[in-house]
């Protein structure tokens, strides 16, 4: 799932080599932390947060099919 998230975010940004996705375990769920270049932050978040919201929905759907729980955080 980390590879899927990395692929999606790299497809959206101008500097795909600066995309970093880290995975950590939380309270019964996996948390993916995404870091991008400063200029690409808006492309990942989208207008009124629409893009990041759709990314989160997609990742939750994939996780649910595998019987897991995930969340996606965009970090500065």
C-alpha atoms as a PDB file:
ATOM      1  CA  UNK A   1       0.000   0.000   0.000  1.00  0.00           C
ATOM      2  CA  UNK A   2       2.942   2.298   0.632  1.00  0.00           C
ATOM      3  CA  UNK A   3       4.009   1.815  -2.988  1.00  0.00           C
ATOM      4  CA  UNK A   4       0.522   2.724  -4.234  1.00  0.00           C
ATOM      5  CA  UNK A   5       0.452   5.925  -2.175  1.00  0.00           C
ATOM      6  CA  UNK A   6       3.958   6.860  -3.329  1.00  0.00           C
ATOM      7  CA  UNK A   7       2.974   6.311  -6.966  1.00  0.00           C
ATOM      8  CA  UNK A   8      -0.165   8.446  -6.631  1.00  0.00           C
ATOM      9  CA  UNK A   9       1.625  11.344  -4.957  1.00  0.00           C
ATOM     10  CA  UNK A  10       4.595  11.225  -7.353  1.00  0.00           C
ATOM     11  CA  UNK A  11       2.158  11.417 -10.271  1.00  0.00           C
ATOM     12  CA  UNK A  12       0.692  14.656  -8.914  1.00  0.00           C
ATOM     13  CA  UNK A  13       3.826  16.680  -8.140  1.00  0.00           C
ATOM     14  CA  UNK A  14       6.482  18.458 -10.212  1.00  0.00           C
ATOM     15  CA  UNK A  15       9.355  17.065  -8.119  1.00  0.00           C
ATOM     16  CA  UNK A  16       8.619  13.327  -7.728  1.00  0.00           C
ATOM     17  CA  UNK A  17      12.134  12.612  -6.449  1.00  0.00           C
ATOM     18  CA  UNK A  18      11.400  14.693  -3.330  1.00  0.00           C
ATOM     19  CA  UNK A  19       8.335  12.654  -2.323  1.00  0.00           C
ATOM     20  CA  UNK A  20       8.813  10.737   0.911  1.00  0.00           C
ATOM     21  CA  UNK A  21       6.256   8.330   2.384  1.00  0.00           C
ATOM     22  CA  UNK A  22       6.917   6.828   5.802  1.00  0.00           C
ATOM     23  CA  UNK A  23       4.813   4.183   7.467  1.00  0.00           C
ATOM     24  CA  UNK A  24       4.254   3.876  11.190  1.00  0.00           C
ATOM     25  CA  UNK A  25       1.917   1.851  13.356  1.00  0.00           C
ATOM     26  CA  UNK A  26      -0.656   3.665  15.451  1.00  0.00           C
ATOM     27  CA  UNK A  27      -3.608   2.588  17.588  1.00  0.00           C
ATOM     28  CA  UNK A  28      -4.622  -0.437  15.559  1.00  0.00           C
ATOM     29  CA  UNK A  29      -3.993   1.331  12.268  1.00  0.00           C
ATOM     30  CA  UNK A  30      -1.169   2.141   9.901  1.00  0.00           C
ATOM     31  CA  UNK A  31      -0.372   5.818   9.447  1.00  0.00           C
ATOM     32  CA  UNK A  32       1.283   6.987   6.239  1.00  0.00           C
ATOM     33  CA  UNK A  33       3.140  10.286   6.516  1.00  0.00           C
ATOM     34  CA  UNK A  34       3.685  12.062   3.197  1.00  0.00           C
ATOM     35  CA  UNK A  35       6.291  14.770   2.652  1.00  0.00           C
ATOM     36  CA  UNK A  36       6.674  16.703  -0.599  1.00  0.00           C
ATOM     37  CA  UNK A  37       8.639  19.728  -1.813  1.00  0.00           C
ATOM     38  CA  UNK A  38       7.298  23.088  -0.588  1.00  0.00           C
ATOM     39  CA  UNK A  39       6.070  24.108  -4.044  1.00  0.00           C
ATOM     40  CA  UNK A  40       4.184  20.831  -4.502  1.00  0.00           C
ATOM     41  CA  UNK A  41       2.167  20.982  -1.286  1.00  0.00           C
ATOM     42  CA  UNK A  42      -0.782  22.679  -2.996  1.00  0.00           C
ATOM     43  CA  UNK A  43      -0.901  20.067  -5.745  1.00  0.00           C
ATOM     44  CA  UNK A  44      -1.241  17.254  -3.231  1.00  0.00           C
ATOM     45  CA  UNK A  45      -3.780  19.039  -1.021  1.00  0.00           C
ATOM     46  CA  UNK A  46      -5.831  20.509  -3.856  1.00  0.00           C
ATOM     47  CA  UNK A  47      -8.421  23.220  -3.817  1.00  0.00           C
ATOM     48  CA  UNK A  48     -10.259  23.092  -0.484  1.00  0.00           C
ATOM     49  CA  UNK A  49      -8.485  19.792   0.285  1.00  0.00           C
ATOM     50  CA  UNK A  50     -10.293  17.840  -2.400  1.00  0.00           C
ATOM     51  CA  UNK A  51      -7.302  15.895  -3.735  1.00  0.00           C
ATOM     52  CA  UNK A  52      -5.985  14.768  -0.355  1.00  0.00           C
ATOM     53  CA  UNK A  53      -9.519  13.812   0.652  1.00  0.00           C
ATOM     54  CA  UNK A  54      -9.828  11.558  -2.406  1.00  0.00           C
ATOM     55  CA  UNK A  55      -6.398  10.037  -1.734  1.00  0.00           C
ATOM     56  CA  UNK A  56      -7.514   9.210   1.812  1.00  0.00           C
ATOM     57  CA  UNK A  57     -10.764   7.655   0.564  1.00  0.00           C
ATOM     58  CA  UNK A  58      -8.882   5.522  -1.958  1.00  0.00           C
ATOM     59  CA  UNK A  59      -6.321   4.328   0.578  1.00  0.00           C
ATOM     60  CA  UNK A  60      -9.035   3.468   3.116  1.00  0.00           C
ATOM     61  CA  UNK A  61     -10.893   1.458   0.465  1.00  0.00           C
ATOM     62  CA  UNK A  62      -7.769  -0.509  -0.424  1.00  0.00           C
ATOM     63  CA  UNK A  63      -7.014  -1.120   3.261  1.00  0.00           C
ATOM     64  CA  UNK A  64     -10.564  -2.198   3.996  1.00  0.00           C
ATOM     65  CA  UNK A  65     -10.371  -4.869   1.289  1.00  0.00           C
ATOM     66  CA  UNK A  66      -7.303  -6.225   3.106  1.00  0.00           C
ATOM     67  CA  UNK A  67      -8.974  -6.015   6.506  1.00  0.00           C
ATOM     68  CA  UNK A  68      -6.744  -3.196   7.729  1.00  0.00           C
ATOM     69  CA  UNK A  69      -7.150   0.412   8.802  1.00  0.00           C
ATOM     70  CA  UNK A  70      -5.017   3.277   7.478  1.00  0.00           C
ATOM     71  CA  UNK A  71      -4.800   7.024   7.596  1.00  0.00           C
ATOM     72  CA  UNK A  72      -2.816   9.484   5.458  1.00  0.00           C
ATOM     73  CA  UNK A  73      -1.168  12.609   6.847  1.00  0.00           C
ATOM     74  CA  UNK A  74       0.471  15.342   4.762  1.00  0.00           C
ATOM     75  CA  UNK A  75       3.410  16.843   6.667  1.00  0.00           C
ATOM     76  CA  UNK A  76       5.201  20.154   6.131  1.00  0.00           C
END
